[in-house]
Amino acid sequence: MRDLIVFGAGDLGKFIVYNINIFGDEYNILGFMDEDINKVGWTLCGLPIFGIDYLKLNKIDDLSIVIAINSPKAER
């Protein structure tokens, strides 16, 4: 089972986690990562929200990341 982090703790991130939990039994979802410091430390869908420095501070082998950004401003 591969570890997975969802980058983006918003509605699209919730949608992705919901679908992975139903259809994707090959992933262990570690949580969300978001650059919004107001979200860091909270939970979403029962999973922790990490800051963008999470990967610098934690060594994780064989990690998958899903980009879940649904904001035209953020996409630019």
C-alpha atoms as a PDB file:
ATOM      1  CA  MET A   1       0.000   0.000   0.000  1.00  0.00           C
ATOM      2  CA  ARG A   2       1.483   3.342  -1.067  1.00  0.00           C
ATOM      3  CA  ASP A   3       1.372   6.447   1.090  1.00  0.00           C
ATOM      4  CA  LEU A   4      -0.490   9.390  -0.423  1.00  0.00           C
ATOM      5  CA  ILE A   5      -0.797  13.076   0.406  1.00  0.00           C
ATOM      6  CA  VAL A   6      -3.442  15.322  -1.146  1.00  0.00           C
ATOM      7  CA  PHE A   7      -2.080  18.796  -1.904  1.00  0.00           C
ATOM      8  CA  GLY A   8      -5.034  21.113  -1.396  1.00  0.00           C
ATOM      9  CA  ALA A   9      -7.367  20.999   1.604  1.00  0.00           C
ATOM     10  CA  GLY A  10     -10.503  22.288  -0.067  1.00  0.00           C
ATOM     11  CA  ASP A  11     -13.601  20.911  -1.754  1.00  0.00           C
ATOM     12  CA  LEU A  12     -11.646  19.188  -4.540  1.00  0.00           C
ATOM     13  CA  GLY A  13      -9.329  17.576  -1.979  1.00  0.00           C
ATOM     14  CA  LYS A  14     -12.335  16.279  -0.032  1.00  0.00           C
ATOM     15  CA  PHE A  15     -13.815  14.870  -3.260  1.00  0.00           C
ATOM     16  CA  ILE A  16     -10.574  13.081  -4.101  1.00  0.00           C
ATOM     17  CA  VAL A  17     -10.238  11.562  -0.604  1.00  0.00           C
ATOM     18  CA  TYR A  18     -13.855  10.417  -0.697  1.00  0.00           C
ATOM     19  CA  ASN A  19     -13.311   8.638  -4.021  1.00  0.00           C
ATOM     20  CA  ILE A  20      -9.979   7.116  -3.034  1.00  0.00           C
ATOM     21  CA  ASN A  21     -11.582   5.732   0.122  1.00  0.00           C
ATOM     22  CA  ILE A  22     -14.297   4.091  -1.979  1.00  0.00           C
ATOM     23  CA  PHE A  23     -12.359   2.938  -5.055  1.00  0.00           C
ATOM     24  CA  GLY A  24      -8.649   3.071  -4.258  1.00  0.00           C
ATOM     25  CA  ASP A  25      -7.744   0.508  -1.642  1.00  0.00           C
ATOM     26  CA  GLU A  26      -4.106   0.606  -2.778  1.00  0.00           C
ATOM     27  CA  TYR A  27      -3.388   3.919  -0.989  1.00  0.00           C
ATOM     28  CA  ASN A  28      -2.799   4.887   2.606  1.00  0.00           C
ATOM     29  CA  ILE A  29      -3.865   8.536   2.778  1.00  0.00           C
ATOM     30  CA  LEU A  30      -1.581  10.332   5.246  1.00  0.00           C
ATOM     31  CA  GLY A  31      -3.454  13.620   5.080  1.00  0.00           C
ATOM     32  CA  PHE A  32      -3.634  16.921   3.248  1.00  0.00           C
ATOM     33  CA  MET A  33      -0.965  19.518   2.587  1.00  0.00           C
ATOM     34  CA  ASP A  34      -1.932  23.153   2.152  1.00  0.00           C
ATOM     35  CA  GLU A  35      -0.124  26.473   1.999  1.00  0.00           C
ATOM     36  CA  ASP A  36      -2.944  28.256   3.860  1.00  0.00           C
ATOM     37  CA  ILE A  37      -1.570  28.562   7.399  1.00  0.00           C
ATOM     38  CA  ASN A  38      -5.119  28.983   8.720  1.00  0.00           C
ATOM     39  CA  LYS A  39      -5.853  25.360   7.725  1.00  0.00           C
ATOM     40  CA  VAL A  40      -2.615  23.810   9.022  1.00  0.00           C
ATOM     41  CA  GLY A  41      -3.109  21.793  12.199  1.00  0.00           C
ATOM     42  CA  TRP A  42      -6.813  21.185  11.571  1.00  0.00           C
ATOM     43  CA  THR A  43      -8.394  18.050  10.139  1.00  0.00           C
ATOM     44  CA  LEU A  44     -10.482  17.445   7.049  1.00  0.00           C
ATOM     45  CA  CYS A  45     -12.331  14.171   6.430  1.00  0.00           C
ATOM     46  CA  GLY A  46     -10.721  12.921   9.632  1.00  0.00           C
ATOM     47  CA  LEU A  47      -7.222  13.488   8.204  1.00  0.00           C
ATOM     48  CA  PRO A  48      -4.620  16.014   9.359  1.00  0.00           C
ATOM     49  CA  ILE A  49      -3.751  19.109   7.350  1.00  0.00           C
ATOM     50  CA  PHE A  50       0.003  19.665   7.111  1.00  0.00           C
ATOM     51  CA  GLY A  51       1.923  22.745   6.066  1.00  0.00           C
ATOM     52  CA  ILE A  52       4.027  22.816   2.924  1.00  0.00           C
ATOM     53  CA  ASP A  53       7.171  22.132   4.970  1.00  0.00           C
ATOM     54  CA  TYR A  54       5.865  18.677   5.945  1.00  0.00           C
ATOM     55  CA  LEU A  55       7.877  16.881   3.261  1.00  0.00           C
ATOM     56  CA  LYS A  56      11.074  18.678   4.279  1.00  0.00           C
ATOM     57  CA  LEU A  57      10.653  17.561   7.874  1.00  0.00           C
ATOM     58  CA  ASN A  58       9.541  13.957   7.238  1.00  0.00           C
ATOM     59  CA  LYS A  59      11.275  11.385   5.078  1.00  0.00           C
ATOM     60  CA  ILE A  60       8.677   9.258   3.334  1.00  0.00           C
ATOM     61  CA  ASP A  61       9.708   6.620   0.814  1.00  0.00           C
ATOM     62  CA  ASP A  62       7.487   5.809  -2.148  1.00  0.00           C
ATOM     63  CA  LEU A  63       5.070   8.710  -1.680  1.00  0.00           C
ATOM     64  CA  SER A  64       2.330   9.665  -4.126  1.00  0.00           C
ATOM     65  CA  ILE A  65       0.933  13.196  -4.240  1.00  0.00           C
ATOM     66  CA  VAL A  66      -2.366  14.267  -5.771  1.00  0.00           C
ATOM     67  CA  ILE A  67      -2.666  17.947  -6.715  1.00  0.00           C
ATOM     68  CA  ALA A  68      -6.173  19.080  -5.755  1.00  0.00           C
ATOM     69  CA  ILE A  69      -6.239  22.777  -6.635  1.00  0.00           C
ATOM     70  CA  ASN A  70      -9.445  24.151  -8.063  1.00  0.00           C
ATOM     71  CA  SER A  71      -8.659  27.863  -7.941  1.00  0.00           C
ATOM     72  CA  PRO A  72      -7.729  29.764 -11.112  1.00  0.00           C
ATOM     73  CA  LYS A  73      -5.642  32.165  -9.006  1.00  0.00           C
ATOM     74  CA  ALA A  74      -3.707  29.326  -7.326  1.00  0.00           C
ATOM     75  CA  GLU A  75      -3.225  27.455 -10.603  1.00  0.00           C
ATOM     76  CA  ARG A  76      -1.409  30.447 -12.101  1.00  0.00           C
END
